[in-house]
Protein backbone atom coordinates (compact mmCIF):
# COMPACT_ATOMS: atom_id res chain seq x y z
CA UNK A 1 -7.37 -0.99 -33.39
CA UNK A 2 -8.29 2.68 -32.78
CA UNK A 3 -9.25 2.98 -36.45
CA UNK A 4 -11.34 -0.20 -36.30
CA UNK A 5 -13.17 0.99 -33.18
CA UNK A 6 -13.93 4.32 -34.82
CA UNK A 7 -15.53 2.51 -37.77
CA UNK A 8 -17.42 0.26 -35.36
CA UNK A 9 -18.71 3.28 -33.48
CA UNK A 10 -19.94 4.92 -36.68
CA UNK A 11 -21.59 1.68 -37.82
CA UNK A 12 -23.46 1.12 -34.55
CA UNK A 13 -24.52 4.75 -34.19
CA UNK A 14 -25.86 4.60 -37.75
CA UNK A 15 -27.63 1.32 -37.02
CA UNK A 16 -29.51 2.80 -34.05
CA UNK A 17 -30.44 5.97 -35.96
CA UNK A 18 -31.68 4.03 -38.98
CA UNK A 19 -33.69 1.48 -37.03
CA UNK A 20 -35.35 4.01 -34.74
CA UNK A 21 -36.25 6.17 -37.74
CA UNK A 22 -37.82 3.14 -39.45
CA UNK A 23 -39.97 2.63 -36.37
CA UNK A 24 -40.84 6.32 -36.26
CA UNK A 25 -39.51 6.55 -32.69
CA UNK A 26 -36.89 8.96 -31.41
CA UNK A 27 -36.33 7.73 -27.84
CA UNK A 28 -34.71 4.73 -26.19
CA UNK A 29 -34.97 2.89 -22.88
CA UNK A 30 -32.05 0.84 -21.54
CA UNK A 31 -31.76 -1.39 -18.51
CA UNK A 32 -28.51 -0.26 -16.93
CA UNK A 33 -26.95 -2.98 -14.78
CA UNK A 34 -23.58 -1.45 -13.99
CA UNK A 35 -21.90 -3.97 -16.28
CA UNK A 36 -19.93 -3.40 -19.44
CA UNK A 37 -22.58 -4.60 -21.92
CA UNK A 38 -25.34 -2.19 -20.91
CA UNK A 39 -22.76 0.58 -20.50
CA UNK A 40 -21.61 0.19 -24.11
CA UNK A 41 -25.22 0.12 -25.34
CA UNK A 42 -25.94 3.30 -23.36
CA UNK A 43 -22.89 5.13 -24.71
CA UNK A 44 -23.68 4.22 -28.32
CA UNK A 45 -27.38 5.01 -27.99
CA UNK A 46 -26.65 8.37 -26.42
CA UNK A 47 -24.37 9.25 -29.33
CA UNK A 48 -27.02 8.13 -31.81
CA UNK A 49 -30.13 9.77 -30.35
CA UNK A 50 -28.81 12.43 -27.98
CA UNK A 51 -28.68 12.15 -24.21
CA UNK A 52 -32.03 13.89 -23.83
CA UNK A 53 -33.71 11.00 -25.66
CA UNK A 54 -32.25 8.16 -23.57
CA UNK A 55 -33.73 6.82 -20.33
CA UNK A 56 -31.53 4.45 -18.31
CA UNK A 57 -33.29 2.38 -15.66
CA UNK A 58 -31.51 0.67 -12.78
CA UNK A 59 -33.46 -2.30 -11.42
CA UNK A 60 -31.78 -3.76 -8.34
CA UNK A 61 -33.02 -6.68 -6.28
CA UNK A 62 -32.42 -6.67 -2.52
CA UNK A 63 -29.41 -8.98 -2.89
CA UNK A 64 -27.85 -6.99 -5.75
CA UNK A 65 -24.32 -5.73 -5.31
CA UNK A 66 -24.32 -2.07 -4.30
CA UNK A 67 -21.38 -1.52 -6.66
CA UNK A 68 -23.73 -2.24 -9.56
CA UNK A 69 -25.74 0.90 -8.80
CA UNK A 70 -22.57 2.91 -8.17
CA UNK A 71 -21.12 1.92 -11.56
CA UNK A 72 -24.43 2.50 -13.36
CA UNK A 73 -24.57 6.00 -11.87
CA UNK A 74 -21.09 6.69 -13.29
CA UNK A 75 -22.46 5.99 -16.77
CA UNK A 76 -25.50 8.19 -16.17
CA UNK A 77 -23.31 11.04 -14.95
CA UNK A 78 -20.88 10.74 -17.87
CA UNK A 79 -23.64 10.70 -20.47
CA UNK A 80 -26.03 13.12 -18.75
CA UNK A 81 -28.97 10.89 -19.65
CA UNK A 82 -32.29 10.62 -17.84
CA UNK A 83 -32.46 7.87 -15.25
CA UNK A 84 -34.52 6.23 -12.56
CA UNK A 85 -34.25 3.39 -10.06
CA UNK A 86 -36.99 0.77 -9.89
CA UNK A 87 -36.38 -1.74 -7.11
CA UNK A 88 -37.82 -5.09 -8.22
CA UNK A 89 -37.61 -6.78 -4.80
CA UNK A 90 -41.32 -6.48 -3.98
CA UNK A 91 -42.38 -7.66 -7.43
CA UNK A 92 -40.14 -10.72 -7.34
CA UNK A 93 -40.88 -11.63 -3.74
CA UNK A 94 -44.62 -11.29 -4.28
CA UNK A 95 -44.44 -13.99 -6.95
CA UNK A 96 -42.07 -16.18 -4.93
CA UNK A 97 -44.53 -16.22 -2.02
CA UNK A 98 -47.10 -17.81 -4.30
CA UNK A 99 -44.81 -20.71 -5.20
CA UNK A 100 -45.47 -23.96 -3.33
CA UNK A 101 -41.99 -25.36 -3.76
CA UNK A 102 -38.50 -24.02 -3.18
CA UNK A 103 -37.18 -22.04 -6.16
CA UNK A 104 -33.69 -22.76 -7.51
CA UNK A 105 -31.19 -19.96 -8.07
CA UNK A 106 -31.58 -20.29 -11.83
CA UNK A 107 -35.38 -20.06 -11.71
CA UNK A 108 -35.20 -17.09 -9.37
CA UNK A 109 -32.71 -15.42 -11.68
CA UNK A 110 -35.06 -15.96 -14.63
CA UNK A 111 -37.93 -14.43 -12.67
CA UNK A 112 -35.81 -11.39 -11.87
CA UNK A 113 -34.76 -10.99 -15.51
CA UNK A 114 -38.37 -11.12 -16.71
CA UNK A 115 -39.56 -8.70 -14.04
CA UNK A 116 -36.94 -6.26 -15.26
CA UNK A 117 -38.21 -6.58 -18.80
CA UNK A 118 -41.76 -5.85 -17.63
CA UNK A 119 -40.43 -2.60 -16.21
CA UNK A 120 -38.49 -1.71 -19.36
CA UNK A 121 -41.38 -2.34 -21.73
CA UNK A 122 -43.82 -0.48 -19.51
CA UNK A 123 -41.46 2.49 -19.45
CA UNK A 124 -40.96 2.24 -23.21
CA UNK A 125 -44.73 2.46 -23.68
CA UNK A 126 -44.92 5.46 -21.38
CA UNK A 127 -42.02 7.23 -23.13
CA UNK A 128 -42.86 6.08 -26.68
CA UNK A 129 -39.37 4.64 -26.83
CA UNK A 130 -37.63 1.50 -28.05
CA UNK A 131 -36.03 -0.97 -25.66
CA UNK A 132 -32.35 -1.27 -26.57
CA UNK A 133 -30.69 -4.67 -26.19
CA UNK A 134 -27.59 -5.27 -24.09
CA UNK A 135 -26.69 -8.89 -24.91
CA UNK A 136 -23.31 -9.66 -26.51
CA UNK A 137 -22.53 -12.31 -29.13
CA UNK A 138 -20.84 -14.69 -26.68
CA UNK A 139 -23.86 -14.79 -24.39
CA UNK A 140 -26.28 -15.10 -27.29
CA UNK A 141 -24.42 -18.07 -28.80
CA UNK A 142 -24.06 -19.84 -25.46
CA UNK A 143 -27.70 -19.23 -24.54
CA UNK A 144 -26.59 -17.34 -21.45
CA UNK A 145 -29.69 -15.21 -21.24
CA UNK A 146 -33.33 -15.46 -20.21
CA UNK A 147 -35.76 -15.76 -23.10
CA UNK A 148 -38.28 -12.90 -22.86
CA UNK A 149 -36.06 -11.56 -20.07
CA UNK A 150 -32.71 -9.91 -20.68
CA UNK A 151 -32.70 -11.23 -24.26
CA UNK A 152 -35.83 -9.22 -25.13
CA UNK A 153 -35.43 -5.92 -26.97
CA UNK A 154 -36.49 -3.97 -30.03
CA UNK A 155 -32.97 -3.62 -31.44
CA UNK A 156 -29.56 -4.77 -30.21
CA UNK A 157 -26.49 -2.74 -31.21
CA UNK A 158 -23.92 -5.04 -29.54
CA UNK A 159 -25.28 -8.51 -30.33
CA UNK A 160 -22.62 -9.18 -32.99
CA UNK A 161 -19.70 -8.31 -30.70
CA UNK A 162 -17.96 -10.93 -28.59
CA UNK A 163 -17.36 -10.14 -24.93
CA UNK A 164 -13.62 -9.66 -25.46
CA UNK A 165 -14.35 -7.24 -28.32
CA UNK A 166 -16.57 -5.24 -25.99
CA UNK A 167 -13.76 -4.83 -23.47
CA UNK A 168 -11.57 -3.21 -26.12
CA UNK A 169 -14.43 -1.14 -27.52
CA UNK A 170 -15.34 0.06 -24.02
CA UNK A 171 -11.81 1.38 -23.53
CA UNK A 172 -12.12 3.29 -26.79
CA UNK A 173 -15.44 4.78 -25.62
CA UNK A 174 -13.76 5.80 -22.33
CA UNK A 175 -16.21 3.88 -20.17
CA UNK A 176 -15.17 4.01 -16.48
CA UNK A 177 -12.39 1.55 -15.67
CA UNK A 178 -14.27 0.15 -12.66
CA UNK A 179 -16.86 -1.19 -15.12
CA UNK A 180 -14.33 -2.55 -17.60
CA UNK A 181 -12.19 -4.26 -14.97
CA UNK A 182 -14.92 -5.85 -12.82
CA UNK A 183 -15.65 -9.58 -13.12
CA UNK A 184 -18.58 -10.12 -15.51
CA UNK A 185 -21.70 -11.02 -13.56
CA UNK A 186 -25.45 -11.07 -14.12
CA UNK A 187 -25.68 -10.16 -10.41
CA UNK A 188 -28.58 -12.56 -9.95
CA UNK A 189 -27.33 -13.88 -6.62
CA UNK A 190 -24.56 -13.01 -4.21
CA UNK A 191 -21.07 -13.85 -5.47
CA UNK A 192 -22.29 -15.02 -8.89
CA UNK A 193 -19.94 -14.56 -11.87
CA UNK A 194 -20.35 -15.54 -15.51
CA UNK A 195 -17.05 -17.39 -15.81
CA UNK A 196 -17.62 -19.43 -12.65
CA UNK A 197 -20.90 -20.63 -14.10
CA UNK A 198 -19.34 -21.41 -17.47
CA UNK A 199 -16.32 -23.20 -16.08
CA UNK A 200 -14.13 -21.38 -18.63
CA UNK A 201 -13.08 -17.82 -19.40
CA UNK A 202 -14.52 -15.42 -21.96
CA UNK A 203 -11.11 -15.18 -23.57
CA UNK A 204 -10.96 -18.94 -24.11
CA UNK A 205 -14.50 -19.35 -25.39
CA UNK A 206 -14.37 -16.24 -27.62
CA UNK A 207 -11.35 -17.63 -29.46
CA UNK A 208 -13.23 -20.88 -29.95
CA UNK A 209 -16.49 -19.23 -31.03
CA UNK A 210 -14.76 -16.96 -33.52
CA UNK A 211 -13.03 -19.89 -35.17
CA UNK A 212 -16.13 -22.09 -35.13
CA UNK A 213 -18.81 -19.54 -36.02
CA UNK A 214 -17.04 -16.83 -38.02
CA UNK A 215 -14.30 -18.93 -39.59
CA UNK A 216 -16.45 -22.11 -39.80
CA UNK A 217 -13.69 -24.40 -38.54
CA UNK A 218 -14.63 -28.06 -38.05
CA UNK A 219 -14.24 -29.79 -34.70
CA UNK A 220 -11.26 -31.71 -36.14
CA UNK A 221 -9.59 -28.47 -37.14
CA UNK A 222 -10.28 -26.97 -33.73
CA UNK A 223 -8.65 -29.94 -32.00
CA UNK A 224 -5.57 -29.45 -34.16
CA UNK A 225 -5.55 -25.80 -33.10
CA UNK A 226 -5.25 -26.89 -29.47
CA UNK A 227 -8.82 -27.01 -28.13
CA UNK A 228 -9.62 -30.03 -25.97
CA UNK A 229 -12.33 -32.43 -27.11
CA UNK A 230 -14.40 -32.19 -23.91
CA UNK A 231 -14.35 -28.36 -24.11
CA UNK A 232 -15.50 -28.48 -27.74
CA UNK A 233 -18.29 -30.92 -26.93
CA UNK A 234 -19.46 -28.83 -23.98
CA UNK A 235 -19.60 -25.56 -25.90
CA UNK A 236 -21.21 -27.24 -28.91
CA UNK A 237 -23.91 -28.62 -26.62
CA UNK A 238 -24.55 -25.15 -25.20
CA UNK A 239 -24.91 -23.67 -28.71
CA UNK A 240 -27.14 -26.42 -30.07
CA UNK A 241 -29.28 -26.74 -26.96
CA UNK A 242 -30.16 -23.04 -26.85
CA UNK A 243 -30.95 -22.41 -30.51
CA UNK A 244 -34.61 -21.85 -29.60
CA UNK A 245 -33.57 -18.72 -27.69
CA UNK A 246 -32.20 -17.14 -30.85
CA UNK A 247 -35.36 -17.55 -32.92
CA UNK A 248 -38.73 -15.79 -32.90
CA UNK A 249 -41.64 -18.04 -31.85
CA UNK A 250 -42.13 -20.61 -34.59
CA UNK A 251 -45.52 -20.34 -36.29
CA UNK A 252 -47.13 -23.44 -37.80
CA UNK A 253 -47.52 -22.82 -41.53
CA UNK A 254 -51.12 -23.40 -42.71
CA UNK A 255 -51.58 -20.57 -45.21
CA UNK A 256 -49.90 -19.12 -48.29
CA UNK A 257 -48.20 -16.24 -46.44
CA UNK A 258 -46.94 -16.90 -42.92
CA UNK A 259 -45.37 -14.30 -40.61
CA UNK A 260 -41.58 -14.74 -40.34
CA UNK A 261 -41.61 -17.48 -42.99
CA UNK A 262 -42.99 -15.93 -46.19
CA UNK A 263 -43.85 -12.47 -44.86
CA UNK A 264 -40.80 -10.73 -43.41
CA UNK A 265 -39.86 -7.47 -45.05
CA UNK A 266 -41.11 -3.90 -45.26
CA UNK A 267 -41.32 -4.24 -49.04
CA UNK A 268 -44.24 -6.64 -48.51
CA UNK A 269 -46.28 -3.65 -47.37
CA UNK A 270 -45.82 -1.80 -50.70
CA UNK A 271 -44.77 1.38 -48.90
């Protein structure tokens, strides 16, 4: 596994270097939550671009767990990257005061996620930097992200790694154990955890997703492998129902060359 992680590290570092060079940009901005996903993205980006070219931004809300900032600061200290704290409480609360009705936890969480992305993209404009993604493959497939919120980024180095893969990779990168061992949480409200919301563990769903997505097993084959029918149906519904989150905005085709349909690649620019 050590050998595989070394190859993975080289691949992801190369990916970030290549994609930033294509964009003609040498700096990166990362939203650092104190969780494992953003920590891995920060470690890899720092290796790719150099710590002096990475800005990590912590964006707590007033109900955020204090441990999130503490763990994020451990990453910043280990990598010696630039950092800042932008408290989003006033921004979020200002909008909430304008709402006539009571806001659900999910809606409030979405508002917080999008406010954070406003901060990241504003900072990226100021720094002439790219926003680096921090969403893993499990979350992307399950739609466990906010569109134009935490799912927004210029490039994502960890989006093809399942959550359980990230745990192993994080150990290889020597990310602080307090980050690796903590319960995964978006920290959108007090006591919130990913697995409580799912109703199943990352370990269970990652095994299923690998077999279904990577190995292309049918539902019948998955049942024979021991997965329960109601679990299969639930996860399938999550994947199918959130496909729109994994696509760029769909453009109605009315001309000969349509962006993201017929016009996609750099070669189309004859450069």
